[in-house]
Amino acid sequence: MKKITIPALLIAILMITGCEKEPLEISDFAVTQSLHDYKTDWKQIVRDEFGDDYTVADWKDLVRFHEKGGDLLELFDNLGLAKGVDVTIYYKGVRNYSAERGYYATRHEHDKPSDYLAHDNIDNYLISLGSWSGSRKIMAIKK
């Protein structure tokens, strides 16, 4: 029986969980030029606009970016997303909260409206995770 050393086991765990990924950079993110309905094929739209190296961003990508010291306001500024603007994303790999509500991130700058249902938030509602129907730009991330 072959012995597995602690460092080898740790490397295997990191590879399986994806924790070995490099920190995210602002340049890893992009936003589609056009608005897209919550029922459209987001992944295909992102591939068509940015190529096969990109996929739809997930809420966890924004959380990880923030946790690694990334400036979310600078990111949203760079993507042209002003306060109150929503951008389509996944949440835990899922695109819709319900049949009629797609997930999105909103820049609130700690000032979330009382009628906004936030499923999650980063830094006391700097950025909020919401869901609703309608058309929005799609946030993409480099794979």
C-alpha atoms as a PDB file:
ATOM      1  CA  MET A   1       0.000   0.000   0.000  1.00  0.00           C
ATOM      2  CA  LYS A   2       1.362   3.394  -1.015  1.00  0.00           C
ATOM      3  CA  LYS A   3       1.626   6.057   1.692  1.00  0.00           C
ATOM      4  CA  ILE A   4       0.198   9.481   0.964  1.00  0.00           C
ATOM      5  CA  THR A   5       2.121  12.305   2.567  1.00  0.00           C
ATOM      6  CA  ILE A   6       0.383  15.286   4.144  1.00  0.00           C
ATOM      7  CA  PRO A   7       1.656  17.747   1.493  1.00  0.00           C
ATOM      8  CA  ALA A   8       0.448  15.464  -1.319  1.00  0.00           C
ATOM      9  CA  LEU A   9      -2.941  15.122   0.363  1.00  0.00           C
ATOM     10  CA  LEU A  10      -3.179  18.887   0.845  1.00  0.00           C
ATOM     11  CA  ILE A  11      -2.373  19.517  -2.820  1.00  0.00           C
ATOM     12  CA  ALA A  12      -5.012  16.968  -3.866  1.00  0.00           C
ATOM     13  CA  ILE A  13      -7.629  18.648  -1.655  1.00  0.00           C
ATOM     14  CA  LEU A  14      -6.765  22.096  -3.028  1.00  0.00           C
ATOM     15  CA  MET A  15      -7.015  20.828  -6.601  1.00  0.00           C
ATOM     16  CA  ILE A  16     -10.392  19.197  -5.968  1.00  0.00           C
ATOM     17  CA  THR A  17     -11.884  22.227  -4.208  1.00  0.00           C
ATOM     18  CA  GLY A  18     -10.475  24.761  -6.660  1.00  0.00           C
ATOM     19  CA  CYS A  19      -8.632  26.637  -3.915  1.00  0.00           C
ATOM     20  CA  GLU A  20      -5.437  26.639  -5.925  1.00  0.00           C
ATOM     21  CA  LYS A  21      -6.817  29.288  -8.299  1.00  0.00           C
ATOM     22  CA  GLU A  22      -4.945  32.537  -8.556  1.00  0.00           C
ATOM     23  CA  PRO A  23      -6.540  35.617  -7.001  1.00  0.00           C
ATOM     24  CA  LEU A  24      -9.032  37.290  -9.292  1.00  0.00           C
ATOM     25  CA  GLU A  25      -8.107  40.507 -11.057  1.00  0.00           C
ATOM     26  CA  ILE A  26     -10.440  43.234 -12.315  1.00  0.00           C
ATOM     27  CA  SER A  27      -9.360  42.295 -15.839  1.00  0.00           C
ATOM     28  CA  ASP A  28     -10.833  38.787 -15.287  1.00  0.00           C
ATOM     29  CA  PHE A  29     -14.356  40.248 -15.343  1.00  0.00           C
ATOM     30  CA  ALA A  30     -16.406  41.592 -18.253  1.00  0.00           C
ATOM     31  CA  VAL A  31     -20.009  42.629 -18.936  1.00  0.00           C
ATOM     32  CA  THR A  32     -22.006  42.052 -22.115  1.00  0.00           C
ATOM     33  CA  GLN A  33     -22.764  45.065 -24.287  1.00  0.00           C
ATOM     34  CA  SER A  34     -26.483  44.256 -24.610  1.00  0.00           C
ATOM     35  CA  LEU A  35     -29.288  43.418 -22.219  1.00  0.00           C
ATOM     36  CA  HIS A  36     -30.468  39.804 -22.131  1.00  0.00           C
ATOM     37  CA  ASP A  37     -33.620  38.237 -20.734  1.00  0.00           C
ATOM     38  CA  TYR A  38     -33.349  35.936 -17.732  1.00  0.00           C
ATOM     39  CA  LYS A  39     -34.640  33.040 -19.897  1.00  0.00           C
ATOM     40  CA  THR A  40     -31.904  33.234 -22.575  1.00  0.00           C
ATOM     41  CA  ASP A  41     -28.809  31.020 -22.801  1.00  0.00           C
ATOM     42  CA  TRP A  42     -26.392  33.145 -20.783  1.00  0.00           C
ATOM     43  CA  LYS A  43     -23.414  30.840 -21.260  1.00  0.00           C
ATOM     44  CA  GLN A  44     -23.770  30.907 -25.040  1.00  0.00           C
ATOM     45  CA  ILE A  45     -24.163  34.677 -25.069  1.00  0.00           C
ATOM     46  CA  VAL A  46     -20.957  35.045 -23.007  1.00  0.00           C
ATOM     47  CA  ARG A  47     -19.062  32.615 -25.282  1.00  0.00           C
ATOM     48  CA  ASP A  48     -20.280  34.460 -28.385  1.00  0.00           C
ATOM     49  CA  GLU A  49     -19.228  37.861 -27.021  1.00  0.00           C
ATOM     50  CA  PHE A  50     -15.994  37.022 -25.156  1.00  0.00           C
ATOM     51  CA  GLY A  51     -14.869  33.614 -26.416  1.00  0.00           C
ATOM     52  CA  ASP A  52     -14.454  30.179 -24.885  1.00  0.00           C
ATOM     53  CA  ASP A  53     -12.163  31.463 -22.097  1.00  0.00           C
ATOM     54  CA  TYR A  54     -15.138  33.130 -20.363  1.00  0.00           C
ATOM     55  CA  THR A  55     -18.234  31.922 -18.553  1.00  0.00           C
ATOM     56  CA  VAL A  56     -21.058  33.546 -16.587  1.00  0.00           C
ATOM     57  CA  ALA A  57     -19.789  34.959 -13.280  1.00  0.00           C
ATOM     58  CA  ASP A  58     -21.121  33.512 -10.045  1.00  0.00           C
ATOM     59  CA  TRP A  59     -21.839  35.303  -6.767  1.00  0.00           C
ATOM     60  CA  LYS A  60     -19.001  33.278  -5.215  1.00  0.00           C
ATOM     61  CA  ASP A  61     -16.589  34.961  -7.679  1.00  0.00           C
ATOM     62  CA  LEU A  62     -17.545  38.387  -6.321  1.00  0.00           C
ATOM     63  CA  VAL A  63     -17.258  37.118  -2.751  1.00  0.00           C
ATOM     64  CA  ARG A  64     -13.830  35.616  -3.457  1.00  0.00           C
ATOM     65  CA  PHE A  65     -12.667  38.800  -5.223  1.00  0.00           C
ATOM     66  CA  HIS A  66     -13.697  40.825  -2.151  1.00  0.00           C
ATOM     67  CA  GLU A  67     -12.205  38.365   0.352  1.00  0.00           C
ATOM     68  CA  LYS A  68      -8.862  38.476  -1.500  1.00  0.00           C
ATOM     69  CA  GLY A  69      -8.767  42.267  -1.097  1.00  0.00           C
ATOM     70  CA  GLY A  70     -10.350  43.267  -4.399  1.00  0.00           C
ATOM     71  CA  ASP A  71     -12.143  46.612  -4.552  1.00  0.00           C
ATOM     72  CA  LEU A  72     -15.729  45.899  -5.629  1.00  0.00           C
ATOM     73  CA  LEU A  73     -16.526  49.556  -6.332  1.00  0.00           C
ATOM     74  CA  GLU A  74     -13.489  49.802  -8.599  1.00  0.00           C
ATOM     75  CA  LEU A  75     -14.592  46.577 -10.315  1.00  0.00           C
ATOM     76  CA  PHE A  76     -18.128  47.852 -10.866  1.00  0.00           C
ATOM     77  CA  ASP A  77     -16.788  51.243 -12.029  1.00  0.00           C
ATOM     78  CA  ASN A  78     -14.495  49.481 -14.495  1.00  0.00           C
ATOM     79  CA  LEU A  79     -17.469  47.502 -15.832  1.00  0.00           C
ATOM     80  CA  GLY A  80     -19.620  50.628 -16.159  1.00  0.00           C
ATOM     81  CA  LEU A  81     -22.045  49.539 -13.422  1.00  0.00           C
ATOM     82  CA  ALA A  82     -23.256  52.558 -11.447  1.00  0.00           C
ATOM     83  CA  LYS A  83     -25.078  52.535  -8.109  1.00  0.00           C
ATOM     84  CA  GLY A  84     -28.447  50.777  -8.419  1.00  0.00           C
ATOM     85  CA  VAL A  85     -27.583  48.964 -11.661  1.00  0.00           C
ATOM     86  CA  ASP A  86     -28.205  45.201 -11.776  1.00  0.00           C
ATOM     87  CA  VAL A  87     -26.038  42.678 -13.636  1.00  0.00           C
ATOM     88  CA  THR A  88     -26.981  39.048 -14.267  1.00  0.00           C
ATOM     89  CA  ILE A  89     -24.925  36.374 -12.467  1.00  0.00           C
ATOM     90  CA  TYR A  90     -25.273  32.818 -11.164  1.00  0.00           C
ATOM     91  CA  TYR A  91     -25.721  31.975  -7.496  1.00  0.00           C
ATOM     92  CA  LYS A  92     -24.016  28.725  -6.472  1.00  0.00           C
ATOM     93  CA  GLY A  93     -24.094  27.652 -10.118  1.00  0.00           C
ATOM     94  CA  VAL A  94     -27.850  28.261 -10.409  1.00  0.00           C
ATOM     95  CA  ARG A  95     -29.239  30.895 -12.748  1.00  0.00           C
ATOM     96  CA  ASN A  96     -32.767  31.381 -11.400  1.00  0.00           C
ATOM     97  CA  TYR A  97     -34.272  31.841  -7.949  1.00  0.00           C
ATOM     98  CA  SER A  98     -37.599  30.647  -9.358  1.00  0.00           C
ATOM     99  CA  ALA A  99     -39.166  30.057 -12.773  1.00  0.00           C
ATOM    100  CA  GLU A 100     -39.765  33.784 -13.174  1.00  0.00           C
ATOM    101  CA  ARG A 101     -36.781  35.307 -11.321  1.00  0.00           C
ATOM    102  CA  GLY A 102     -33.158  35.304 -12.459  1.00  0.00           C
ATOM    103  CA  TYR A 103     -30.270  36.149 -10.096  1.00  0.00           C
ATOM    104  CA  TYR A 104     -28.319  39.393 -10.352  1.00  0.00           C
ATOM    105  CA  ALA A 105     -25.865  41.530  -8.407  1.00  0.00           C
ATOM    106  CA  THR A 106     -26.666  45.149  -7.580  1.00  0.00           C
ATOM    107  CA  ARG A 107     -24.323  47.902  -6.466  1.00  0.00           C
ATOM    108  CA  HIS A 108     -25.979  49.485  -3.414  1.00  0.00           C
ATOM    109  CA  GLU A 109     -23.035  51.129  -1.653  1.00  0.00           C
ATOM    110  CA  HIS A 110     -24.522  50.307   1.781  1.00  0.00           C
ATOM    111  CA  ASP A 111     -27.888  51.857   0.850  1.00  0.00           C
ATOM    112  CA  LYS A 112     -30.201  48.960  -0.090  1.00  0.00           C
ATOM    113  CA  PRO A 113     -33.797  50.027  -0.735  1.00  0.00           C
ATOM    114  CA  SER A 114     -36.284  48.542   1.750  1.00  0.00           C
ATOM    115  CA  ASP A 115     -38.268  46.835  -1.033  1.00  0.00           C
ATOM    116  CA  TYR A 116     -35.198  45.019  -2.426  1.00  0.00           C
ATOM    117  CA  LEU A 117     -35.155  41.299  -1.515  1.00  0.00           C
ATOM    118  CA  ALA A 118     -31.482  40.524  -0.909  1.00  0.00           C
ATOM    119  CA  HIS A 119     -30.621  36.826  -0.864  1.00  0.00           C
ATOM    120  CA  ASP A 120     -27.083  37.703   0.232  1.00  0.00           C
ATOM    121  CA  ASN A 121     -24.790  40.721   0.398  1.00  0.00           C
ATOM    122  CA  ILE A 122     -21.121  41.643   0.567  1.00  0.00           C
ATOM    123  CA  ASP A 123     -19.779  44.176   3.087  1.00  0.00           C
ATOM    124  CA  ASN A 124     -23.072  45.340   4.598  1.00  0.00           C
ATOM    125  CA  TYR A 125     -24.872  45.753   1.269  1.00  0.00           C
ATOM    126  CA  LEU A 126     -22.034  47.260  -0.707  1.00  0.00           C
ATOM    127  CA  ILE A 127     -23.119  44.722  -3.325  1.00  0.00           C
ATOM    128  CA  SER A 128     -26.372  42.765  -2.988  1.00  0.00           C
ATOM    129  CA  LEU A 129     -27.638  39.545  -4.541  1.00  0.00           C
ATOM    130  CA  GLY A 130     -31.186  39.904  -5.809  1.00  0.00           C
ATOM    131  CA  SER A 131     -33.571  38.206  -8.210  1.00  0.00           C
ATOM    132  CA  TRP A 132     -36.349  39.351 -10.508  1.00  0.00           C
ATOM    133  CA  SER A 133     -37.537  39.026 -14.094  1.00  0.00           C
ATOM    134  CA  GLY A 134     -36.453  41.292 -16.916  1.00  0.00           C
ATOM    135  CA  SER A 135     -33.417  41.953 -19.063  1.00  0.00           C
ATOM    136  CA  ARG A 136     -29.939  42.879 -17.853  1.00  0.00           C
ATOM    137  CA  LYS A 137     -26.337  42.788 -18.963  1.00  0.00           C
ATOM    138  CA  ILE A 138     -24.519  39.573 -18.036  1.00  0.00           C
ATOM    139  CA  MET A 139     -21.347  39.563 -15.929  1.00  0.00           C
ATOM    140  CA  ALA A 140     -18.688  37.227 -17.318  1.00  0.00           C
ATOM    141  CA  ILE A 141     -15.484  35.907 -15.813  1.00  0.00           C
ATOM    142  CA  LYS A 142     -12.343  34.405 -17.284  1.00  0.00           C
ATOM    143  CA  LYS A 143     -12.231  30.664 -16.573  1.00  0.00           C
END
